[in-house]
Amino acid sequence: MKKNDERLTDVFTWLDSLSYVQLEKIPGIDLYMDQVTSFMEEELKNTKRNQEDKALTKTMINNYAKNRLLPPPVKKKYSREHILLLLFIYYYKSLLSFNDIEQLFRPITEKYFNSTSELSLSDIYQEVFSLEHEQKERMKQDIQAKFEAAKTTFPDTEEGEREYLQLFSFIGELSFDVYLKKQMIERIIDQLHQETPTGKAKHA
């Protein structure tokens, strides 16, 4: 069985290997649905927990459009802006409900989707993900601090038992961190909903 220090090293190596889909990789031409799912499958394959899982399916895309997360295609074709929104949805869907994503996206899609605004969806995507590297470094520092704190727990247990209990403590710290951040995001979105109430989308 791996030692906890080895597990942390593996996690950091995996984290360093992840990156958002670079803007220049996103096709500049409109795509049919099969082309969209193939593109997403290739670009997001390293982020999937299980390789047999699908990053995006036709059913998912139809559900996103049905729940107003995604504007409908034009003549069955999806633009570069559709792809950008689908990437945002991919990153948010494991954390937020359709209602929350629709609430969060609505001002963006209304103002910047197929818009003549000086600021484009591509600009927004690039600006948001330009923070990725610094965020990763801050995250690694925070994770390391949580790991060191967990190593101080259960000092009086036997070594083999202590190793697992400290790992359990570490996962507990990470889980509580995610829980609190999710609560914060939902609270902010609830505030947005109160400020701009609309009809509700269906849940995922």
C-alpha atoms as a PDB file:
ATOM      1  CA  MET A   1       0.000   0.000   0.000  1.00  0.00           C
ATOM      2  CA  LYS A   2       1.243   3.476  -0.870  1.00  0.00           C
ATOM      3  CA  LYS A   3       2.393   5.831   1.846  1.00  0.00           C
ATOM      4  CA  ASN A   4       0.459   9.080   2.194  1.00  0.00           C
ATOM      5  CA  ASP A   5       3.440  11.132   1.027  1.00  0.00           C
ATOM      6  CA  GLU A   6       3.499   9.108  -2.186  1.00  0.00           C
ATOM      7  CA  ARG A   7      -0.223   9.665  -2.680  1.00  0.00           C
ATOM      8  CA  LEU A   8       0.213  13.424  -2.361  1.00  0.00           C
ATOM      9  CA  THR A   9       3.066  13.396  -4.882  1.00  0.00           C
ATOM     10  CA  ASP A  10       0.856  11.452  -7.314  1.00  0.00           C
ATOM     11  CA  VAL A  11      -1.988  13.951  -6.839  1.00  0.00           C
ATOM     12  CA  PHE A  12       0.299  16.921  -7.526  1.00  0.00           C
ATOM     13  CA  THR A  13       1.725  15.239 -10.643  1.00  0.00           C
ATOM     14  CA  TRP A  14      -1.813  14.597 -11.910  1.00  0.00           C
ATOM     15  CA  LEU A  15      -2.854  18.166 -11.077  1.00  0.00           C
ATOM     16  CA  ASP A  16       0.090  19.567 -13.053  1.00  0.00           C
ATOM     17  CA  SER A  17      -0.977  17.508 -16.075  1.00  0.00           C
ATOM     18  CA  LEU A  18      -4.444  19.107 -16.215  1.00  0.00           C
ATOM     19  CA  SER A  19      -5.216  22.255 -18.136  1.00  0.00           C
ATOM     20  CA  TYR A  20      -8.227  23.985 -19.602  1.00  0.00           C
ATOM     21  CA  VAL A  21      -8.917  23.637 -23.329  1.00  0.00           C
ATOM     22  CA  GLN A  22      -6.806  26.278 -25.023  1.00  0.00           C
ATOM     23  CA  LEU A  23      -8.733  28.822 -27.062  1.00  0.00           C
ATOM     24  CA  GLU A  24      -6.735  28.137 -30.216  1.00  0.00           C
ATOM     25  CA  LYS A  25      -7.842  24.489 -30.158  1.00  0.00           C
ATOM     26  CA  ILE A  26     -11.524  25.383 -30.390  1.00  0.00           C
ATOM     27  CA  PRO A  27     -12.697  25.186 -34.023  1.00  0.00           C
ATOM     28  CA  GLY A  28     -13.504  28.468 -35.714  1.00  0.00           C
ATOM     29  CA  ILE A  29     -16.139  26.853 -37.917  1.00  0.00           C
ATOM     30  CA  ASP A  30     -19.628  25.618 -37.066  1.00  0.00           C
ATOM     31  CA  LEU A  31     -19.915  21.929 -36.185  1.00  0.00           C
ATOM     32  CA  TYR A  32     -22.622  19.296 -36.302  1.00  0.00           C
ATOM     33  CA  MET A  33     -23.475  17.577 -33.034  1.00  0.00           C
ATOM     34  CA  ASP A  34     -21.352  14.487 -33.734  1.00  0.00           C
ATOM     35  CA  GLN A  35     -18.364  16.724 -34.395  1.00  0.00           C
ATOM     36  CA  VAL A  36     -19.000  18.620 -31.160  1.00  0.00           C
ATOM     37  CA  THR A  37     -19.107  15.453 -29.048  1.00  0.00           C
ATOM     38  CA  SER A  38     -15.971  14.103 -30.760  1.00  0.00           C
ATOM     39  CA  PHE A  39     -14.103  17.348 -30.104  1.00  0.00           C
ATOM     40  CA  MET A  40     -15.121  17.437 -26.437  1.00  0.00           C
ATOM     41  CA  GLU A  41     -14.274  13.768 -25.980  1.00  0.00           C
ATOM     42  CA  GLU A  42     -10.753  14.289 -27.293  1.00  0.00           C
ATOM     43  CA  GLU A  43     -10.018  17.515 -25.431  1.00  0.00           C
ATOM     44  CA  LEU A  44     -11.479  16.430 -22.082  1.00  0.00           C
ATOM     45  CA  LYS A  45     -10.329  12.811 -21.983  1.00  0.00           C
ATOM     46  CA  ASN A  46      -7.714  13.487 -19.298  1.00  0.00           C
ATOM     47  CA  THR A  47     -10.286  14.979 -16.930  1.00  0.00           C
ATOM     48  CA  LYS A  48     -12.558  11.920 -16.836  1.00  0.00           C
ATOM     49  CA  ARG A  49     -12.464   9.681 -13.783  1.00  0.00           C
ATOM     50  CA  ASN A  50     -13.204   6.583 -15.845  1.00  0.00           C
ATOM     51  CA  GLN A  51     -12.121   6.305 -19.458  1.00  0.00           C
ATOM     52  CA  GLU A  52     -15.406   4.629 -20.450  1.00  0.00           C
ATOM     53  CA  ASP A  53     -17.338   7.698 -19.304  1.00  0.00           C
ATOM     54  CA  LYS A  54     -18.473  10.187 -21.929  1.00  0.00           C
ATOM     55  CA  ALA A  55     -17.459  13.816 -21.582  1.00  0.00           C
ATOM     56  CA  LEU A  56     -20.492  14.914 -23.574  1.00  0.00           C
ATOM     57  CA  THR A  57     -23.375  13.139 -25.299  1.00  0.00           C
ATOM     58  CA  LYS A  58     -26.181  14.177 -27.627  1.00  0.00           C
ATOM     59  CA  THR A  59     -28.652  13.709 -24.779  1.00  0.00           C
ATOM     60  CA  MET A  60     -26.636  16.041 -22.566  1.00  0.00           C
ATOM     61  CA  ILE A  61     -26.537  18.750 -25.238  1.00  0.00           C
ATOM     62  CA  ASN A  62     -30.288  18.456 -25.785  1.00  0.00           C
ATOM     63  CA  ASN A  63     -30.872  18.719 -22.033  1.00  0.00           C
ATOM     64  CA  TYR A  64     -28.695  21.815 -21.798  1.00  0.00           C
ATOM     65  CA  ALA A  65     -30.692  23.483 -24.562  1.00  0.00           C
ATOM     66  CA  LYS A  66     -33.996  22.360 -22.994  1.00  0.00           C
ATOM     67  CA  ASN A  67     -32.980  23.876 -19.655  1.00  0.00           C
ATOM     68  CA  ARG A  68     -31.832  27.143 -21.272  1.00  0.00           C
ATOM     69  CA  LEU A  69     -28.153  26.618 -20.479  1.00  0.00           C
ATOM     70  CA  LEU A  70     -27.312  26.585 -24.175  1.00  0.00           C
ATOM     71  CA  PRO A  71     -28.839  28.563 -27.062  1.00  0.00           C
ATOM     72  CA  PRO A  72     -30.247  26.347 -29.831  1.00  0.00           C
ATOM     73  CA  PRO A  73     -28.041  25.498 -32.833  1.00  0.00           C
ATOM     74  CA  VAL A  74     -28.472  27.216 -36.166  1.00  0.00           C
ATOM     75  CA  LYS A  75     -29.429  24.761 -38.921  1.00  0.00           C
ATOM     76  CA  LYS A  76     -28.256  21.918 -36.642  1.00  0.00           C
ATOM     77  CA  LYS A  77     -24.784  23.455 -36.364  1.00  0.00           C
ATOM     78  CA  TYR A  78     -23.006  24.658 -33.228  1.00  0.00           C
ATOM     79  CA  SER A  79     -20.758  27.696 -33.289  1.00  0.00           C
ATOM     80  CA  ARG A  80     -17.503  28.378 -31.475  1.00  0.00           C
ATOM     81  CA  GLU A  81     -19.550  30.222 -28.877  1.00  0.00           C
ATOM     82  CA  HIS A  82     -21.633  27.104 -28.270  1.00  0.00           C
ATOM     83  CA  ILE A  83     -18.410  25.176 -27.643  1.00  0.00           C
ATOM     84  CA  LEU A  84     -17.220  27.780 -25.140  1.00  0.00           C
ATOM     85  CA  LEU A  85     -20.489  27.545 -23.212  1.00  0.00           C
ATOM     86  CA  LEU A  86     -20.342  23.741 -23.291  1.00  0.00           C
ATOM     87  CA  LEU A  87     -16.862  23.858 -21.779  1.00  0.00           C
ATOM     88  CA  PHE A  88     -18.052  26.115 -18.982  1.00  0.00           C
ATOM     89  CA  ILE A  89     -21.001  23.782 -18.387  1.00  0.00           C
ATOM     90  CA  TYR A  90     -18.664  20.790 -18.255  1.00  0.00           C
ATOM     91  CA  TYR A  91     -16.604  22.380 -15.506  1.00  0.00           C
ATOM     92  CA  TYR A  92     -19.645  23.499 -13.489  1.00  0.00           C
ATOM     93  CA  LYS A  93     -22.092  20.616 -13.864  1.00  0.00           C
ATOM     94  CA  SER A  94     -20.540  18.381 -11.197  1.00  0.00           C
ATOM     95  CA  LEU A  95     -20.897  21.164  -8.668  1.00  0.00           C
ATOM     96  CA  LEU A  96     -24.049  23.101  -9.550  1.00  0.00           C
ATOM     97  CA  SER A  97     -27.623  22.296 -10.561  1.00  0.00           C
ATOM     98  CA  PHE A  98     -29.082  23.268 -13.935  1.00  0.00           C
ATOM     99  CA  ASN A  99     -31.015  26.014 -12.158  1.00  0.00           C
ATOM    100  CA  ASP A 100     -27.833  27.498 -10.757  1.00  0.00           C
ATOM    101  CA  ILE A 101     -25.894  27.252 -14.010  1.00  0.00           C
ATOM    102  CA  GLU A 102     -28.764  28.847 -15.957  1.00  0.00           C
ATOM    103  CA  GLN A 103     -28.939  31.682 -13.427  1.00  0.00           C
ATOM    104  CA  LEU A 104     -25.196  32.228 -13.628  1.00  0.00           C
ATOM    105  CA  PHE A 105     -24.984  32.011 -17.424  1.00  0.00           C
ATOM    106  CA  ARG A 106     -28.022  34.072 -18.347  1.00  0.00           C
ATOM    107  CA  PRO A 107     -26.348  37.530 -18.234  1.00  0.00           C
ATOM    108  CA  ILE A 108     -23.406  36.145 -20.208  1.00  0.00           C
ATOM    109  CA  THR A 109     -25.470  34.539 -22.968  1.00  0.00           C
ATOM    110  CA  GLU A 110     -27.883  37.482 -23.211  1.00  0.00           C
ATOM    111  CA  LYS A 111     -25.126  40.040 -23.613  1.00  0.00           C
ATOM    112  CA  TYR A 112     -22.253  38.220 -25.318  1.00  0.00           C
ATOM    113  CA  PHE A 113     -23.636  35.267 -27.310  1.00  0.00           C
ATOM    114  CA  ASN A 114     -23.780  36.220 -31.008  1.00  0.00           C
ATOM    115  CA  SER A 115     -23.241  39.797 -29.916  1.00  0.00           C
ATOM    116  CA  THR A 116     -21.540  42.783 -31.505  1.00  0.00           C
ATOM    117  CA  SER A 117     -20.171  43.762 -28.089  1.00  0.00           C
ATOM    118  CA  GLU A 118     -16.475  44.643 -28.019  1.00  0.00           C
ATOM    119  CA  LEU A 119     -16.039  41.911 -25.411  1.00  0.00           C
ATOM    120  CA  SER A 120     -16.654  38.443 -26.846  1.00  0.00           C
ATOM    121  CA  LEU A 121     -17.299  35.061 -25.265  1.00  0.00           C
ATOM    122  CA  SER A 122     -13.797  34.108 -26.370  1.00  0.00           C
ATOM    123  CA  ASP A 123     -12.422  37.085 -24.446  1.00  0.00           C
ATOM    124  CA  ILE A 124     -14.359  36.064 -21.344  1.00  0.00           C
ATOM    125  CA  TYR A 125     -13.210  32.440 -21.604  1.00  0.00           C
ATOM    126  CA  GLN A 126      -9.587  33.488 -22.039  1.00  0.00           C
ATOM    127  CA  GLU A 127      -9.713  35.970 -19.167  1.00  0.00           C
ATOM    128  CA  VAL A 128     -11.325  33.538 -16.736  1.00  0.00           C
ATOM    129  CA  PHE A 129      -8.906  30.713 -17.442  1.00  0.00           C
ATOM    130  CA  SER A 130      -5.842  32.969 -17.522  1.00  0.00           C
ATOM    131  CA  LEU A 131      -5.962  32.635 -13.723  1.00  0.00           C
ATOM    132  CA  GLU A 132      -5.413  28.873 -13.962  1.00  0.00           C
ATOM    133  CA  HIS A 133      -1.670  28.694 -13.244  1.00  0.00           C
ATOM    134  CA  GLU A 134      -1.728  30.947 -10.195  1.00  0.00           C
ATOM    135  CA  GLN A 135      -4.828  29.153  -8.914  1.00  0.00           C
ATOM    136  CA  LYS A 136      -3.080  25.794  -9.208  1.00  0.00           C
ATOM    137  CA  GLU A 137      -0.087  27.027  -7.241  1.00  0.00           C
ATOM    138  CA  ARG A 138      -2.284  28.483  -4.486  1.00  0.00           C
ATOM    139  CA  MET A 139      -4.260  25.250  -4.408  1.00  0.00           C
ATOM    140  CA  LYS A 140      -1.123  23.133  -4.062  1.00  0.00           C
ATOM    141  CA  GLN A 141       0.071  25.278  -1.171  1.00  0.00           C
ATOM    142  CA  ASP A 142      -3.307  24.928   0.530  1.00  0.00           C
ATOM    143  CA  ILE A 143      -3.404  21.181  -0.074  1.00  0.00           C
ATOM    144  CA  GLN A 144       0.098  20.811   1.319  1.00  0.00           C
ATOM    145  CA  ALA A 145      -0.929  22.739   4.453  1.00  0.00           C
ATOM    146  CA  LYS A 146      -3.984  20.500   4.919  1.00  0.00           C
ATOM    147  CA  PHE A 147      -1.805  17.434   4.426  1.00  0.00           C
ATOM    148  CA  GLU A 148       0.682  18.574   7.072  1.00  0.00           C
ATOM    149  CA  ALA A 149      -2.183  19.304   9.499  1.00  0.00           C
ATOM    150  CA  ALA A 150      -3.623  15.826   8.921  1.00  0.00           C
ATOM    151  CA  LYS A 151      -0.220  14.291   9.718  1.00  0.00           C
ATOM    152  CA  THR A 152      -0.505  15.630  13.268  1.00  0.00           C
ATOM    153  CA  THR A 153      -3.721  13.681  13.940  1.00  0.00           C
ATOM    154  CA  PHE A 154      -3.927  10.320  15.721  1.00  0.00           C
ATOM    155  CA  PRO A 155      -0.376  10.525  17.139  1.00  0.00           C
ATOM    156  CA  ASP A 156      -0.921   7.700  19.649  1.00  0.00           C
ATOM    157  CA  THR A 157      -2.116   5.007  17.246  1.00  0.00           C
ATOM    158  CA  GLU A 158       0.033   2.265  15.734  1.00  0.00           C
ATOM    159  CA  GLU A 159       1.898   3.214  12.572  1.00  0.00           C
ATOM    160  CA  GLY A 160      -0.146   1.154  10.090  1.00  0.00           C
ATOM    161  CA  GLU A 161      -3.431   2.284  11.563  1.00  0.00           C
ATOM    162  CA  ARG A 162      -2.221   5.876  11.898  1.00  0.00           C
ATOM    163  CA  GLU A 163      -1.326   6.072   8.195  1.00  0.00           C
ATOM    164  CA  TYR A 164      -4.898   5.374   7.130  1.00  0.00           C
ATOM    165  CA  LEU A 165      -6.521   7.502   9.823  1.00  0.00           C
ATOM    166  CA  GLN A 166      -4.373  10.462   8.809  1.00  0.00           C
ATOM    167  CA  LEU A 167      -5.362   9.904   5.178  1.00  0.00           C
ATOM    168  CA  PHE A 168      -8.996   9.873   6.308  1.00  0.00           C
ATOM    169  CA  SER A 169      -8.397  13.176   8.129  1.00  0.00           C
ATOM    170  CA  PHE A 170      -6.806  14.675   5.018  1.00  0.00           C
ATOM    171  CA  ILE A 171      -9.742  13.666   2.804  1.00  0.00           C
ATOM    172  CA  GLY A 172     -12.078  15.072   5.441  1.00  0.00           C
ATOM    173  CA  GLU A 173     -10.289  18.433   5.270  1.00  0.00           C
ATOM    174  CA  LEU A 174     -10.497  18.498   1.477  1.00  0.00           C
ATOM    175  CA  SER A 175     -14.174  17.505   1.544  1.00  0.00           C
ATOM    176  CA  PHE A 176     -15.104  20.196   4.058  1.00  0.00           C
ATOM    177  CA  ASP A 177     -13.267  22.752   1.935  1.00  0.00           C
ATOM    178  CA  VAL A 178     -15.280  21.748  -1.153  1.00  0.00           C
ATOM    179  CA  TYR A 179     -18.514  21.718   0.867  1.00  0.00           C
ATOM    180  CA  LEU A 180     -17.971  25.260   2.148  1.00  0.00           C
ATOM    181  CA  LYS A 181     -17.013  26.609  -1.270  1.00  0.00           C
ATOM    182  CA  LYS A 182     -20.079  24.997  -2.832  1.00  0.00           C
ATOM    183  CA  GLN A 183     -22.243  26.611  -0.153  1.00  0.00           C
ATOM    184  CA  MET A 184     -20.634  29.994  -0.884  1.00  0.00           C
ATOM    185  CA  ILE A 185     -21.263  29.667  -4.623  1.00  0.00           C
ATOM    186  CA  GLU A 186     -24.888  28.685  -4.073  1.00  0.00           C
ATOM    187  CA  ARG A 187     -25.390  31.603  -1.700  1.00  0.00           C
ATOM    188  CA  ILE A 188     -24.067  34.053  -4.303  1.00  0.00           C
ATOM    189  CA  ILE A 189     -26.272  32.527  -7.009  1.00  0.00           C
ATOM    190  CA  ASP A 190     -29.289  32.747  -4.698  1.00  0.00           C
ATOM    191  CA  GLN A 191     -28.549  36.439  -4.300  1.00  0.00           C
ATOM    192  CA  LEU A 192     -28.429  36.806  -8.090  1.00  0.00           C
ATOM    193  CA  HIS A 193     -31.756  35.012  -8.363  1.00  0.00           C
ATOM    194  CA  GLN A 194     -33.353  37.372  -5.859  1.00  0.00           C
ATOM    195  CA  GLU A 195     -32.034  40.348  -7.798  1.00  0.00           C
ATOM    196  CA  THR A 196     -33.187  39.048 -11.208  1.00  0.00           C
ATOM    197  CA  PRO A 197     -35.975  36.482 -10.640  1.00  0.00           C
ATOM    198  CA  THR A 198     -37.083  34.413 -13.623  1.00  0.00           C
ATOM    199  CA  GLY A 199     -38.796  31.129 -14.294  1.00  0.00           C
ATOM    200  CA  LYS A 200     -36.878  28.114 -13.048  1.00  0.00           C
ATOM    201  CA  ALA A 201     -35.130  25.562 -15.204  1.00  0.00           C
ATOM    202  CA  LYS A 202     -35.437  21.877 -14.471  1.00  0.00           C
ATOM    203  CA  HIS A 203     -32.918  20.129 -12.279  1.00  0.00           C
ATOM    204  CA  ALA A 204     -30.282  17.824 -13.718  1.00  0.00           C
END
